[in-house]
Amino acid sequence: HIIRGPAMAWFRRVPGKEKEVVAAISWGPRTSYEYYDAVVRGRF
């Protein structure tokens, strides 16, 4: 059980490049905080 525990994220990697964060999430007492890379914001 780690959901709503530590921050978690989705990364992606294309050949020849480093892993890049796509989206990340952390949880507060009553809500969640989300981050999205600009290229996926509004779609993911």
PDB file of all heavy atoms in Angstrom:
ATOM      1  N   HIS A   1       0.834  -1.194   0.000  1.00  0.00           N
ATOM      2  CA  HIS A   1       0.000   0.000   0.000  1.00  0.00           C
ATOM      3  C   HIS A   1       0.875   1.252   0.000  1.00  0.00           C
ATOM      4  O   HIS A   1       1.331   1.698   1.055  1.00  0.00           O
ATOM      5  CB  HIS A   1      -0.914  -0.007   1.216  1.00  0.00           C
ATOM      6  CG  HIS A   1      -1.995  -1.034   1.146  1.00  0.00           C
ATOM      7  ND1 HIS A   1      -3.124  -0.880   0.370  1.00  0.00           N
ATOM      8  CD2 HIS A   1      -2.119  -2.239   1.743  1.00  0.00           C
ATOM      9  CE1 HIS A   1      -3.893  -1.942   0.494  1.00  0.00           C
ATOM     10  NE2 HIS A   1      -3.307  -2.791   1.317  1.00  0.00           N
ATOM     11  N   ILE A   2       1.113   1.808  -1.194  1.00  0.00           N
ATOM     12  CA  ILE A   2       1.889   3.045  -1.269  1.00  0.00           C
ATOM     13  C   ILE A   2       1.109   4.172  -1.917  1.00  0.00           C
ATOM     14  O   ILE A   2       1.559   5.318  -1.896  1.00  0.00           O
ATOM     15  CB  ILE A   2       3.225   2.840  -2.022  1.00  0.00           C
ATOM     16  CG1 ILE A   2       2.982   2.447  -3.480  1.00  0.00           C
ATOM     17  CG2 ILE A   2       4.079   1.809  -1.315  1.00  0.00           C
ATOM     18  CD1 ILE A   2       4.250   2.463  -4.298  1.00  0.00           C
ATOM     19  N   ILE A   3      -0.042   3.838  -2.530  1.00  0.00           N
ATOM     20  CA  ILE A   3      -0.852   4.905  -3.093  1.00  0.00           C
ATOM     21  C   ILE A   3      -1.299   5.803  -1.948  1.00  0.00           C
ATOM     22  O   ILE A   3      -1.734   5.313  -0.900  1.00  0.00           O
ATOM     23  CB  ILE A   3      -2.077   4.333  -3.830  1.00  0.00           C
ATOM     24  CG1 ILE A   3      -1.631   3.340  -4.906  1.00  0.00           C
ATOM     25  CG2 ILE A   3      -2.902   5.463  -4.445  1.00  0.00           C
ATOM     26  CD1 ILE A   3      -0.764   3.911  -5.974  1.00  0.00           C
ATOM     27  N   ARG A   4      -1.162   7.100  -2.148  1.00  0.00           N
ATOM     28  CA  ARG A   4      -1.408   8.119  -1.135  1.00  0.00           C
ATOM     29  C   ARG A   4      -0.292   8.143  -0.083  1.00  0.00           C
ATOM     30  O   ARG A   4      -0.437   8.734   0.983  1.00  0.00           O
ATOM     31  CB  ARG A   4      -2.770   7.956  -0.450  1.00  0.00           C
ATOM     32  CG  ARG A   4      -3.951   8.048  -1.396  1.00  0.00           C
ATOM     33  CD  ARG A   4      -5.250   8.242  -0.634  1.00  0.00           C
ATOM     34  NE  ARG A   4      -5.265   9.528   0.041  1.00  0.00           N
ATOM     35  CZ  ARG A   4      -5.568  10.666  -0.539  1.00  0.00           C
ATOM     36  NH1 ARG A   4      -5.873  10.710  -1.819  1.00  0.00           N
ATOM     37  NH2 ARG A   4      -5.557  11.788   0.151  1.00  0.00           N
ATOM     38  N   GLY A   5       0.828   7.500  -0.401  1.00  0.00           N
ATOM     39  CA  GLY A   5       2.002   7.553   0.479  1.00  0.00           C
ATOM     40  C   GLY A   5       3.043   8.460  -0.138  1.00  0.00           C
ATOM     41  O   GLY A   5       2.886   9.687  -0.191  1.00  0.00           O
ATOM     42  N   PRO A   6       4.143   7.886  -0.640  1.00  0.00           N
ATOM     43  CA  PRO A   6       5.170   8.707  -1.280  1.00  0.00           C
ATOM     44  C   PRO A   6       4.685   9.251  -2.624  1.00  0.00           C
ATOM     45  O   PRO A   6       3.719   8.739  -3.205  1.00  0.00           O
ATOM     46  CB  PRO A   6       6.317   7.717  -1.494  1.00  0.00           C
ATOM     47  CG  PRO A   6       5.632   6.401  -1.648  1.00  0.00           C
ATOM     48  CD  PRO A   6       4.474   6.454  -0.688  1.00  0.00           C
ATOM     49  N   ALA A   7       5.340  10.287  -3.103  1.00  0.00           N
ATOM     50  CA  ALA A   7       5.036  10.787  -4.443  1.00  0.00           C
ATOM     51  C   ALA A   7       5.367   9.719  -5.473  1.00  0.00           C
ATOM     52  O   ALA A   7       6.309   8.935  -5.307  1.00  0.00           O
ATOM     53  CB  ALA A   7       5.832  12.057  -4.718  1.00  0.00           C
ATOM     54  N   MET A   8       4.596   9.695  -6.534  1.00  0.00           N
ATOM     55  CA  MET A   8       4.800   8.731  -7.604  1.00  0.00           C
ATOM     56  C   MET A   8       4.754   9.448  -8.947  1.00  0.00           C
ATOM     57  O   MET A   8       4.287  10.595  -9.039  1.00  0.00           O
ATOM     58  CB  MET A   8       3.731   7.629  -7.558  1.00  0.00           C
ATOM     59  CG  MET A   8       3.750   6.823  -6.268  1.00  0.00           C
ATOM     60  SD  MET A   8       2.570   5.455  -6.288  1.00  0.00           S
ATOM     61  CE  MET A   8       3.352   4.345  -7.476  1.00  0.00           C
ATOM     62  N   ALA A   9       5.223   8.780  -9.980  1.00  0.00           N
ATOM     63  CA  ALA A   9       5.297   9.440 -11.271  1.00  0.00           C
ATOM     64  C   ALA A   9       5.295   8.424 -12.400  1.00  0.00           C
ATOM     65  O   ALA A   9       5.550   7.237 -12.191  1.00  0.00           O
ATOM     66  CB  ALA A   9       6.556  10.295 -11.362  1.00  0.00           C
ATOM     67  N   TRP A  10       4.986   8.914 -13.566  1.00  0.00           N
ATOM     68  CA  TRP A  10       5.178   8.181 -14.810  1.00  0.00           C
ATOM     69  C   TRP A  10       6.283   8.893 -15.591  1.00  0.00           C
ATOM     70  O   TRP A  10       6.232  10.108 -15.784  1.00  0.00           O
ATOM     71  CB  TRP A  10       3.901   8.147 -15.640  1.00  0.00           C
ATOM     72  CG  TRP A  10       2.856   7.231 -15.110  1.00  0.00           C
ATOM     73  CD1 TRP A  10       1.814   7.549 -14.276  1.00  0.00           C
ATOM     74  CD2 TRP A  10       2.725   5.833 -15.371  1.00  0.00           C
ATOM     75  NE1 TRP A  10       1.063   6.443 -14.009  1.00  0.00           N
ATOM     76  CE2 TRP A  10       1.599   5.366 -14.671  1.00  0.00           C
ATOM     77  CE3 TRP A  10       3.458   4.925 -16.135  1.00  0.00           C
ATOM     78  CZ2 TRP A  10       1.179   4.035 -14.718  1.00  0.00           C
ATOM     79  CZ3 TRP A  10       3.044   3.600 -16.175  1.00  0.00           C
ATOM     80  CH2 TRP A  10       1.916   3.170 -15.468  1.00  0.00           C
ATOM     81  N   PHE A  11       7.270   8.109 -16.016  1.00  0.00           N
ATOM     82  CA  PHE A  11       8.332   8.590 -16.890  1.00  0.00           C
ATOM     83  C   PHE A  11       8.176   7.888 -18.235  1.00  0.00           C
ATOM     84  O   PHE A  11       7.521   6.847 -18.344  1.00  0.00           O
ATOM     85  CB  PHE A  11       9.705   8.257 -16.310  1.00  0.00           C
ATOM     86  CG  PHE A  11      10.118   9.134 -15.163  1.00  0.00           C
ATOM     87  CD1 PHE A  11       9.578   8.947 -13.893  1.00  0.00           C
ATOM     88  CD2 PHE A  11      11.061  10.138 -15.329  1.00  0.00           C
ATOM     89  CE1 PHE A  11       9.970   9.748 -12.829  1.00  0.00           C
ATOM     90  CE2 PHE A  11      11.454  10.936 -14.272  1.00  0.00           C
ATOM     91  CZ  PHE A  11      10.912  10.739 -13.020  1.00  0.00           C
ATOM     92  N   ARG A  12       8.856   8.426 -19.245  1.00  0.00           N
ATOM     93  CA  ARG A  12       8.943   7.721 -20.507  1.00  0.00           C
ATOM     94  C   ARG A  12      10.326   7.908 -21.092  1.00  0.00           C
ATOM     95  O   ARG A  12      10.998   8.891 -20.815  1.00  0.00           O
ATOM     96  CB  ARG A  12       7.866   8.161 -21.496  1.00  0.00           C
ATOM     97  CG  ARG A  12       7.979   9.588 -22.016  1.00  0.00           C
ATOM     98  CD  ARG A  12       6.753   9.917 -22.864  1.00  0.00           C
ATOM     99  NE  ARG A  12       6.823  11.255 -23.442  1.00  0.00           N
ATOM    100  CZ  ARG A  12       5.818  11.835 -24.093  1.00  0.00           C
ATOM    101  NH1 ARG A  12       4.660  11.196 -24.253  1.00  0.00           N
ATOM    102  NH2 ARG A  12       5.956  13.052 -24.598  1.00  0.00           N
ATOM    103  N   ARG A  13      10.722   6.926 -21.903  1.00  0.00           N
ATOM    104  CA  ARG A  13      12.026   7.000 -22.547  1.00  0.00           C
ATOM    105  C   ARG A  13      11.895   6.569 -24.001  1.00  0.00           C
ATOM    106  O   ARG A  13      11.307   5.510 -24.290  1.00  0.00           O
ATOM    107  CB  ARG A  13      13.038   6.121 -21.831  1.00  0.00           C
ATOM    108  CG  ARG A  13      14.421   6.167 -22.480  1.00  0.00           C
ATOM    109  CD  ARG A  13      15.497   5.654 -21.571  1.00  0.00           C
ATOM    110  NE  ARG A  13      15.314   4.281 -21.184  1.00  0.00           N
ATOM    111  CZ  ARG A  13      16.047   3.662 -20.246  1.00  0.00           C
ATOM    112  NH1 ARG A  13      17.000   4.325 -19.640  1.00  0.00           N
ATOM    113  NH2 ARG A  13      15.815   2.411 -19.946  1.00  0.00           N
ATOM    114  N   VAL A  14      12.468   7.372 -24.865  1.00  0.00           N
ATOM    115  CA  VAL A  14      12.578   7.006 -26.273  1.00  0.00           C
ATOM    116  C   VAL A  14      14.024   6.630 -26.530  1.00  0.00           C
ATOM    117  O   VAL A  14      14.926   7.079 -25.810  1.00  0.00           O
ATOM    118  CB  VAL A  14      12.126   8.156 -27.195  1.00  0.00           C
ATOM    119  CG1 VAL A  14      10.667   8.487 -26.945  1.00  0.00           C
ATOM    120  CG2 VAL A  14      13.000   9.385 -27.002  1.00  0.00           C
ATOM    121  N   PRO A  15      14.286   5.811 -27.533  1.00  0.00           N
ATOM    122  CA  PRO A  15      15.670   5.380 -27.793  1.00  0.00           C
ATOM    123  C   PRO A  15      16.603   6.565 -27.972  1.00  0.00           C
ATOM    124  O   PRO A  15      16.280   7.532 -28.670  1.00  0.00           O
ATOM    125  CB  PRO A  15      15.533   4.573 -29.090  1.00  0.00           C
ATOM    126  CG  PRO A  15      14.139   4.056 -29.062  1.00  0.00           C
ATOM    127  CD  PRO A  15      13.328   5.148 -28.425  1.00  0.00           C
ATOM    128  N   GLY A  16      17.744   6.487 -27.304  1.00  0.00           N
ATOM    129  CA  GLY A  16      18.742   7.532 -27.428  1.00  0.00           C
ATOM    130  C   GLY A  16      18.556   8.712 -26.496  1.00  0.00           C
ATOM    131  O   GLY A  16      19.359   9.637 -26.509  1.00  0.00           O
ATOM    132  N   LYS A  17      17.513   8.669 -25.703  1.00  0.00           N
ATOM    133  CA  LYS A  17      17.252   9.780 -24.787  1.00  0.00           C
ATOM    134  C   LYS A  17      17.141   9.272 -23.359  1.00  0.00           C
ATOM    135  O   LYS A  17      16.921   8.086 -23.115  1.00  0.00           O
ATOM    136  CB  LYS A  17      15.979  10.512 -25.182  1.00  0.00           C
ATOM    137  CG  LYS A  17      16.108  11.342 -26.453  1.00  0.00           C
ATOM    138  CD  LYS A  17      14.898  12.249 -26.610  1.00  0.00           C
ATOM    139  CE  LYS A  17      15.079  13.209 -27.769  1.00  0.00           C
ATOM    140  NZ  LYS A  17      13.939  14.144 -27.896  1.00  0.00           N
ATOM    141  N   GLU A  18      17.263  10.196 -22.415  1.00  0.00           N
ATOM    142  CA  GLU A  18      17.096   9.856 -21.007  1.00  0.00           C
ATOM    143  C   GLU A  18      15.604   9.764 -20.669  1.00  0.00           C
ATOM    144  O   GLU A  18      14.741  10.263 -21.403  1.00  0.00           O
ATOM    145  CB  GLU A  18      17.736  10.934 -20.136  1.00  0.00           C
ATOM    146  CG  GLU A  18      19.237  11.111 -20.336  1.00  0.00           C
ATOM    147  CD  GLU A  18      19.998   9.894 -19.866  1.00  0.00           C
ATOM    148  OE1 GLU A  18      19.574   9.290 -18.853  1.00  0.00           O
ATOM    149  OE2 GLU A  18      21.000   9.523 -20.500  1.00  0.00           O
ATOM    150  N   LYS A  19      15.328   9.131 -19.553  1.00  0.00           N
ATOM    151  CA  LYS A  19      13.948   9.105 -19.051  1.00  0.00           C
ATOM    152  C   LYS A  19      13.503  10.525 -18.738  1.00  0.00           C
ATOM    153  O   LYS A  19      14.241  11.309 -18.145  1.00  0.00           O
ATOM    154  CB  LYS A  19      13.865   8.264 -17.781  1.00  0.00           C
ATOM    155  CG  LYS A  19      13.961   6.774 -18.000  1.00  0.00           C
ATOM    156  CD  LYS A  19      13.912   6.046 -16.656  1.00  0.00           C
ATOM    157  CE  LYS A  19      14.103   4.556 -16.842  1.00  0.00           C
ATOM    158  NZ  LYS A  19      14.212   3.856 -15.545  1.00  0.00           N
ATOM    159  N   GLU A  20      12.245  10.833 -19.106  1.00  0.00           N
ATOM    160  CA  GLU A  20      11.682  12.147 -18.816  1.00  0.00           C
ATOM    161  C   GLU A  20      10.370  11.973 -18.073  1.00  0.00           C
ATOM    162  O   GLU A  20       9.581  11.073 -18.400  1.00  0.00           O
ATOM    163  CB  GLU A  20      11.442  12.929 -20.113  1.00  0.00           C
ATOM    164  CG  GLU A  20      12.707  13.257 -20.870  1.00  0.00           C
ATOM    165  CD  GLU A  20      12.426  14.031 -22.147  1.00  0.00           C
ATOM    166  OE1 GLU A  20      11.320  13.890 -22.689  1.00  0.00           O
ATOM    167  OE2 GLU A  20      13.318  14.765 -22.603  1.00  0.00           O
ATOM    168  N   VAL A  21      10.148  12.840 -17.119  1.00  0.00           N
ATOM    169  CA  VAL A  21       8.899  12.749 -16.364  1.00  0.00           C
ATOM    170  C   VAL A  21       7.739  13.205 -17.254  1.00  0.00           C
ATOM    171  O   VAL A  21       7.826  14.215 -17.955  1.00  0.00           O
ATOM    172  CB  VAL A  21       8.975  13.571 -15.065  1.00  0.00           C
ATOM    173  CG1 VAL A  21       9.124  15.048 -15.350  1.00  0.00           C
ATOM    174  CG2 VAL A  21       7.763  13.310 -14.187  1.00  0.00           C
ATOM    175  N   VAL A  22       6.679  12.433 -17.227  1.00  0.00           N
ATOM    176  CA  VAL A  22       5.467  12.757 -17.977  1.00  0.00           C
ATOM    177  C   VAL A  22       4.429  13.359 -17.049  1.00  0.00           C
ATOM    178  O   VAL A  22       3.819  14.385 -17.354  1.00  0.00           O
ATOM    179  CB  VAL A  22       4.918  11.478 -18.643  1.00  0.00           C
ATOM    180  CG1 VAL A  22       3.566  11.752 -19.284  1.00  0.00           C
ATOM    181  CG2 VAL A  22       5.895  10.938 -19.662  1.00  0.00           C
ATOM    182  N   ALA A  23       4.243  12.715 -15.925  1.00  0.00           N
ATOM    183  CA  ALA A  23       3.260  13.172 -14.938  1.00  0.00           C
ATOM    184  C   ALA A  23       3.682  12.675 -13.567  1.00  0.00           C
ATOM    185  O   ALA A  23       4.302  11.613 -13.454  1.00  0.00           O
ATOM    186  CB  ALA A  23       1.864  12.667 -15.281  1.00  0.00           C
ATOM    187  N   ALA A  24       3.342  13.432 -12.548  1.00  0.00           N
ATOM    188  CA  ALA A  24       3.681  13.049 -11.182  1.00  0.00           C
ATOM    189  C   ALA A  24       2.534  13.444 -10.261  1.00  0.00           C
ATOM    190  O   ALA A  24       1.742  14.338 -10.582  1.00  0.00           O
ATOM    191  CB  ALA A  24       4.983  13.706 -10.743  1.00  0.00           C
ATOM    192  N   ILE A  25       2.485  12.753  -9.128  1.00  0.00           N
ATOM    193  CA  ILE A  25       1.383  13.009  -8.207  1.00  0.00           C
ATOM    194  C   ILE A  25       1.866  12.853  -6.767  1.00  0.00           C
ATOM    195  O   ILE A  25       2.725  12.012  -6.474  1.00  0.00           O
ATOM    196  CB  ILE A  25       0.205  12.040  -8.499  1.00  0.00           C
ATOM    197  CG1 ILE A  25      -1.026  12.413  -7.679  1.00  0.00           C
ATOM    198  CG2 ILE A  25       0.612  10.595  -8.269  1.00  0.00           C
ATOM    199  CD1 ILE A  25      -2.290  11.675  -8.143  1.00  0.00           C
ATOM    200  N   SER A  26       1.324  13.680  -5.901  1.00  0.00           N
ATOM    201  CA  SER A  26       1.529  13.535  -4.463  1.00  0.00           C
ATOM    202  C   SER A  26       0.188  13.741  -3.793  1.00  0.00           C
ATOM    203  O   SER A  26      -0.753  14.264  -4.399  1.00  0.00           O
ATOM    204  CB  SER A  26       2.562  14.533  -3.943  1.00  0.00           C
ATOM    205  OG  SER A  26       2.074  15.855  -4.087  1.00  0.00           O
ATOM    206  N   TRP A  27       0.116  13.304  -2.549  1.00  0.00           N
ATOM    207  CA  TRP A  27      -1.166  13.335  -1.876  1.00  0.00           C
ATOM    208  C   TRP A  27      -1.104  14.116  -0.568  1.00  0.00           C
ATOM    209  O   TRP A  27      -0.179  13.945   0.225  1.00  0.00           O
ATOM    210  CB  TRP A  27      -1.625  11.902  -1.558  1.00  0.00           C
ATOM    211  CG  TRP A  27      -2.025  11.144  -2.775  1.00  0.00           C
ATOM    212  CD1 TRP A  27      -3.251  11.139  -3.368  1.00  0.00           C
ATOM    213  CD2 TRP A  27      -1.208  10.270  -3.550  1.00  0.00           C
ATOM    214  NE1 TRP A  27      -3.240  10.318  -4.465  1.00  0.00           N
ATOM    215  CE2 TRP A  27      -2.015   9.768  -4.605  1.00  0.00           C
ATOM    216  CE3 TRP A  27       0.118   9.849  -3.472  1.00  0.00           C
ATOM    217  CZ2 TRP A  27      -1.536   8.879  -5.567  1.00  0.00           C
ATOM    218  CZ3 TRP A  27       0.611   8.963  -4.419  1.00  0.00           C
ATOM    219  CH2 TRP A  27      -0.204   8.488  -5.454  1.00  0.00           C
ATOM    220  N   GLY A  28      -2.090  14.976  -0.369  1.00  0.00           N
ATOM    221  CA  GLY A  28      -2.272  15.649   0.904  1.00  0.00           C
ATOM    222  C   GLY A  28      -3.392  14.968   1.659  1.00  0.00           C
ATOM    223  O   GLY A  28      -3.921  13.955   1.232  1.00  0.00           O
ATOM    224  N   PRO A  29      -3.761  15.523   2.810  1.00  0.00           N
ATOM    225  CA  PRO A  29      -4.818  14.901   3.641  1.00  0.00           C
ATOM    226  C   PRO A  29      -6.136  14.734   2.903  1.00  0.00           C
ATOM    227  O   PRO A  29      -6.850  13.761   3.120  1.00  0.00           O
ATOM    228  CB  PRO A  29      -4.950  15.865   4.813  1.00  0.00           C
ATOM    229  CG  PRO A  29      -3.642  16.573   4.879  1.00  0.00           C
ATOM    230  CD  PRO A  29      -3.177  16.705   3.451  1.00  0.00           C
ATOM    231  N   ARG A  30      -6.471  15.684   2.044  1.00  0.00           N
ATOM    232  CA  ARG A  30      -7.788  15.651   1.416  1.00  0.00           C
ATOM    233  C   ARG A  30      -7.749  15.790  -0.092  1.00  0.00           C
ATOM    234  O   ARG A  30      -8.793  15.733  -0.736  1.00  0.00           O
ATOM    235  CB  ARG A  30      -8.684  16.754   1.985  1.00  0.00           C
ATOM    236  CG  ARG A  30      -8.965  16.646   3.461  1.00  0.00           C
ATOM    237  CD  ARG A  30      -9.896  17.756   3.926  1.00  0.00           C
ATOM    238  NE  ARG A  30     -10.112  17.727   5.366  1.00  0.00           N
ATOM    239  CZ  ARG A  30      -9.289  18.253   6.247  1.00  0.00           C
ATOM    240  NH1 ARG A  30      -8.203  18.857   5.836  1.00  0.00           N
ATOM    241  NH2 ARG A  30      -9.559  18.188   7.534  1.00  0.00           N
ATOM    242  N   THR A  31      -6.572  15.959  -0.652  1.00  0.00           N
ATOM    243  CA  THR A  31      -6.516  16.194  -2.085  1.00  0.00           C
ATOM    244  C   THR A  31      -5.217  15.621  -2.644  1.00  0.00           C
ATOM    245  O   THR A  31      -4.383  15.099  -1.909  1.00  0.00           O
ATOM    246  CB  THR A  31      -6.611  17.701  -2.383  1.00  0.00           C
ATOM    247  OG1 THR A  31      -6.733  17.889  -3.794  1.00  0.00           O
ATOM    248  CG2 THR A  31      -5.375  18.431  -1.890  1.00  0.00           C
ATOM    249  N   SER A  32      -5.074  15.717  -3.941  1.00  0.00           N
ATOM    250  CA  SER A  32      -3.836  15.289  -4.597  1.00  0.00           C
ATOM    251  C   SER A  32      -3.272  16.465  -5.374  1.00  0.00           C
ATOM    252  O   SER A  32      -3.994  17.398  -5.734  1.00  0.00           O
ATOM    253  CB  SER A  32      -4.103  14.103  -5.527  1.00  0.00           C
ATOM    254  OG  SER A  32      -5.010  14.479  -6.552  1.00  0.00           O
ATOM    255  N   TYR A  33      -1.983  16.425  -5.586  1.00  0.00           N
ATOM    256  CA  TYR A  33      -1.285  17.454  -6.343  1.00  0.00           C
ATOM    257  C   TYR A  33      -0.674  16.780  -7.549  1.00  0.00           C
ATOM    258  O   TYR A  33      -0.029  15.738  -7.430  1.00  0.00           O
ATOM    259  CB  TYR A  33      -0.220  18.106  -5.473  1.00  0.00           C
ATOM    260  CG  TYR A  33      -0.765  18.674  -4.193  1.00  0.00           C
ATOM    261  CD1 TYR A  33      -0.785  17.905  -3.032  1.00  0.00           C
ATOM    262  CD2 TYR A  33      -1.286  19.959  -4.148  1.00  0.00           C
ATOM    263  CE1 TYR A  33      -1.310  18.405  -1.853  1.00  0.00           C
ATOM    264  CE2 TYR A  33      -1.808  20.473  -2.969  1.00  0.00           C
ATOM    265  CZ  TYR A  33      -1.815  19.689  -1.829  1.00  0.00           C
ATOM    266  OH  TYR A  33      -2.341  20.186  -0.667  1.00  0.00           O
ATOM    267  N   GLU A  34      -0.884  17.374  -8.699  1.00  0.00           N
ATOM    268  CA  GLU A  34      -0.444  16.731  -9.930  1.00  0.00           C
ATOM    269  C   GLU A  34       0.449  17.655 -10.737  1.00  0.00           C
ATOM    270  O   GLU A  34       0.272  18.868 -10.737  1.00  0.00           O
ATOM    271  CB  GLU A  34      -1.665  16.332 -10.767  1.00  0.00           C
ATOM    272  CG  GLU A  34      -2.559  15.314 -10.069  1.00  0.00           C
ATOM    273  CD  GLU A  34      -3.984  15.369 -10.568  1.00  0.00           C
ATOM    274  OE1 GLU A  34      -4.189  15.805 -11.726  1.00  0.00           O
ATOM    275  OE2 GLU A  34      -4.888  14.974  -9.824  1.00  0.00           O
ATOM    276  N   TYR A  35       1.383  17.040 -11.411  1.00  0.00           N
ATOM    277  CA  TYR A  35       2.258  17.761 -12.334  1.00  0.00           C
ATOM    278  C   TYR A  35       2.194  17.061 -13.676  1.00  0.00           C
ATOM    279  O   TYR A  35       2.193  15.830 -13.748  1.00  0.00           O
ATOM    280  CB  TYR A  35       3.705  17.769 -11.827  1.00  0.00           C
ATOM    281  CG  TYR A  35       4.689  18.139 -12.919  1.00  0.00           C
ATOM    282  CD1 TYR A  35       4.920  19.468 -13.246  1.00  0.00           C
ATOM    283  CD2 TYR A  35       5.343  17.157 -13.648  1.00  0.00           C
ATOM    284  CE1 TYR A  35       5.790  19.803 -14.263  1.00  0.00           C
ATOM    285  CE2 TYR A  35       6.211  17.480 -14.676  1.00  0.00           C
ATOM    286  CZ  TYR A  35       6.436  18.813 -14.973  1.00  0.00           C
ATOM    287  OH  TYR A  35       7.291  19.133 -15.993  1.00  0.00           O
ATOM    288  N   TYR A  36       2.165  17.848 -14.744  1.00  0.00           N
ATOM    289  CA  TYR A  36       2.201  17.304 -16.099  1.00  0.00           C
ATOM    290  C   TYR A  36       3.234  18.060 -16.925  1.00  0.00           C
ATOM    291  O   TYR A  36       3.301  19.289 -16.867  1.00  0.00           O
ATOM    292  CB  TYR A  36       0.827  17.424 -16.776  1.00  0.00           C
ATOM    293  CG  TYR A  36      -0.257  16.643 -16.082  1.00  0.00           C
ATOM    294  CD1 TYR A  36      -1.084  17.245 -15.151  1.00  0.00           C
ATOM    295  CD2 TYR A  36      -0.430  15.288 -16.342  1.00  0.00           C
ATOM    296  CE1 TYR A  36      -2.072  16.527 -14.488  1.00  0.00           C
ATOM    297  CE2 TYR A  36      -1.413  14.556 -15.691  1.00  0.00           C
ATOM    298  CZ  TYR A  36      -2.222  15.191 -14.764  1.00  0.00           C
ATOM    299  OH  TYR A  36      -3.192  14.464 -14.114  1.00  0.00           O
ATOM    300  N   ASP A  37       4.000  17.310 -17.691  1.00  0.00           N
ATOM    301  CA  ASP A  37       4.875  17.950 -18.652  1.00  0.00           C
ATOM    302  C   ASP A  37       4.030  18.720 -19.655  1.00  0.00           C
ATOM    303  O   ASP A  37       2.904  18.305 -19.979  1.00  0.00           O
ATOM    304  CB  ASP A  37       5.736  16.901 -19.356  1.00  0.00           C
ATOM    305  CG  ASP A  37       6.743  17.532 -20.276  1.00  0.00           C
ATOM    306  OD1 ASP A  37       7.794  17.967 -19.807  1.00  0.00           O
ATOM    307  OD2 ASP A  37       6.452  17.593 -21.487  1.00  0.00           O
ATOM    308  N   ALA A  38       4.561  19.807 -20.157  1.00  0.00           N
ATOM    309  CA  ALA A  38       3.784  20.672 -21.039  1.00  0.00           C
ATOM    310  C   ALA A  38       3.260  19.949 -22.272  1.00  0.00           C
ATOM    311  O   ALA A  38       2.175  20.258 -22.771  1.00  0.00           O
ATOM    312  CB  ALA A  38       4.631  21.878 -21.453  1.00  0.00           C
ATOM    313  N   VAL A  39       4.010  18.958 -22.768  1.00  0.00           N
ATOM    314  CA  VAL A  39       3.595  18.313 -24.018  1.00  0.00           C
ATOM    315  C   VAL A  39       2.426  17.348 -23.832  1.00  0.00           C
ATOM    316  O   VAL A  39       1.804  16.929 -24.812  1.00  0.00           O
ATOM    317  CB  VAL A  39       4.778  17.567 -24.670  1.00  0.00           C
ATOM    318  CG1 VAL A  39       5.864  18.552 -25.077  1.00  0.00           C
ATOM    319  CG2 VAL A  39       5.317  16.490 -23.774  1.00  0.00           C
ATOM    320  N   VAL A  40       2.108  17.010 -22.563  1.00  0.00           N
ATOM    321  CA  VAL A  40       0.991  16.101 -22.330  1.00  0.00           C
ATOM    322  C   VAL A  40      -0.133  16.747 -21.542  1.00  0.00           C
ATOM    323  O   VAL A  40      -1.202  16.161 -21.385  1.00  0.00           O
ATOM    324  CB  VAL A  40       1.446  14.815 -21.596  1.00  0.00           C
ATOM    325  CG1 VAL A  40       2.588  14.157 -22.353  1.00  0.00           C
ATOM    326  CG2 VAL A  40       1.838  15.106 -20.153  1.00  0.00           C
ATOM    327  N   ARG A  41       0.109  17.954 -21.043  1.00  0.00           N
ATOM    328  CA  ARG A  41      -0.896  18.626 -20.219  1.00  0.00           C
ATOM    329  C   ARG A  41      -2.192  18.805 -21.008  1.00  0.00           C
ATOM    330  O   ARG A  41      -2.189  19.253 -22.140  1.00  0.00           O
ATOM    331  CB  ARG A  41      -0.364  19.969 -19.733  1.00  0.00           C
ATOM    332  CG  ARG A  41      -1.148  20.589 -18.599  1.00  0.00           C
ATOM    333  CD  ARG A  41      -0.416  21.808 -18.074  1.00  0.00           C
ATOM    334  NE  ARG A  41       0.903  21.444 -17.564  1.00  0.00           N
ATOM    335  CZ  ARG A  41       2.019  22.157 -17.773  1.00  0.00           C
ATOM    336  NH1 ARG A  41       1.943  23.280 -18.470  1.00  0.00           N
ATOM    337  NH2 ARG A  41       3.169  21.771 -17.283  1.00  0.00           N
ATOM    338  N   GLY A  42      -3.296  18.441 -20.395  1.00  0.00           N
ATOM    339  CA  GLY A  42      -4.585  18.512 -21.067  1.00  0.00           C
ATOM    340  C   GLY A  42      -4.968  17.238 -21.791  1.00  0.00           C
ATOM    341  O   GLY A  42      -6.124  17.066 -22.173  1.00  0.00           O
ATOM    342  N   ARG A  43      -3.986  16.356 -22.001  1.00  0.00           N
ATOM    343  CA  ARG A  43      -4.273  15.083 -22.677  1.00  0.00           C
ATOM    344  C   ARG A  43      -4.134  13.887 -21.751  1.00  0.00           C
ATOM    345  O   ARG A  43      -4.827  12.883 -21.914  1.00  0.00           O
ATOM    346  CB  ARG A  43      -3.321  14.896 -23.865  1.00  0.00           C
ATOM    347  CG  ARG A  43      -3.416  15.952 -24.938  1.00  0.00           C
ATOM    348  CD  ARG A  43      -2.612  15.569 -26.165  1.00  0.00           C
ATOM    349  NE  ARG A  43      -1.182  15.480 -25.885  1.00  0.00           N
ATOM    350  CZ  ARG A  43      -0.444  14.393 -26.096  1.00  0.00           C
ATOM    351  NH1 ARG A  43      -0.997  13.295 -26.582  1.00  0.00           N
ATOM    352  NH2 ARG A  43       0.856  14.393 -25.831  1.00  0.00           N
ATOM    353  N   PHE A  44      -3.226  13.983 -20.779  1.00  0.00           N
ATOM    354  CA  PHE A  44      -2.960  12.872 -19.863  1.00  0.00           C
ATOM    355  C   PHE A  44      -3.500  13.200 -18.482  1.00  0.00           C
ATOM    356  O   PHE A  44      -3.579  14.370 -18.080  1.00  0.00           O
ATOM    357  CB  PHE A  44      -1.461  12.609 -19.749  1.00  0.00           C
ATOM    358  CG  PHE A  44      -0.822  12.019 -20.974  1.00  0.00           C
ATOM    359  CD1 PHE A  44      -1.474  11.952 -22.197  1.00  0.00           C
ATOM    360  CD2 PHE A  44       0.471  11.506 -20.902  1.00  0.00           C
ATOM    361  CE1 PHE A  44      -0.883  11.402 -23.316  1.00  0.00           C
ATOM    362  CE2 PHE A  44       1.085  10.951 -22.017  1.00  0.00           C
ATOM    363  CZ  PHE A  44       0.411  10.908 -23.212  1.00  0.00           C
TER     364      PHE A  44
END
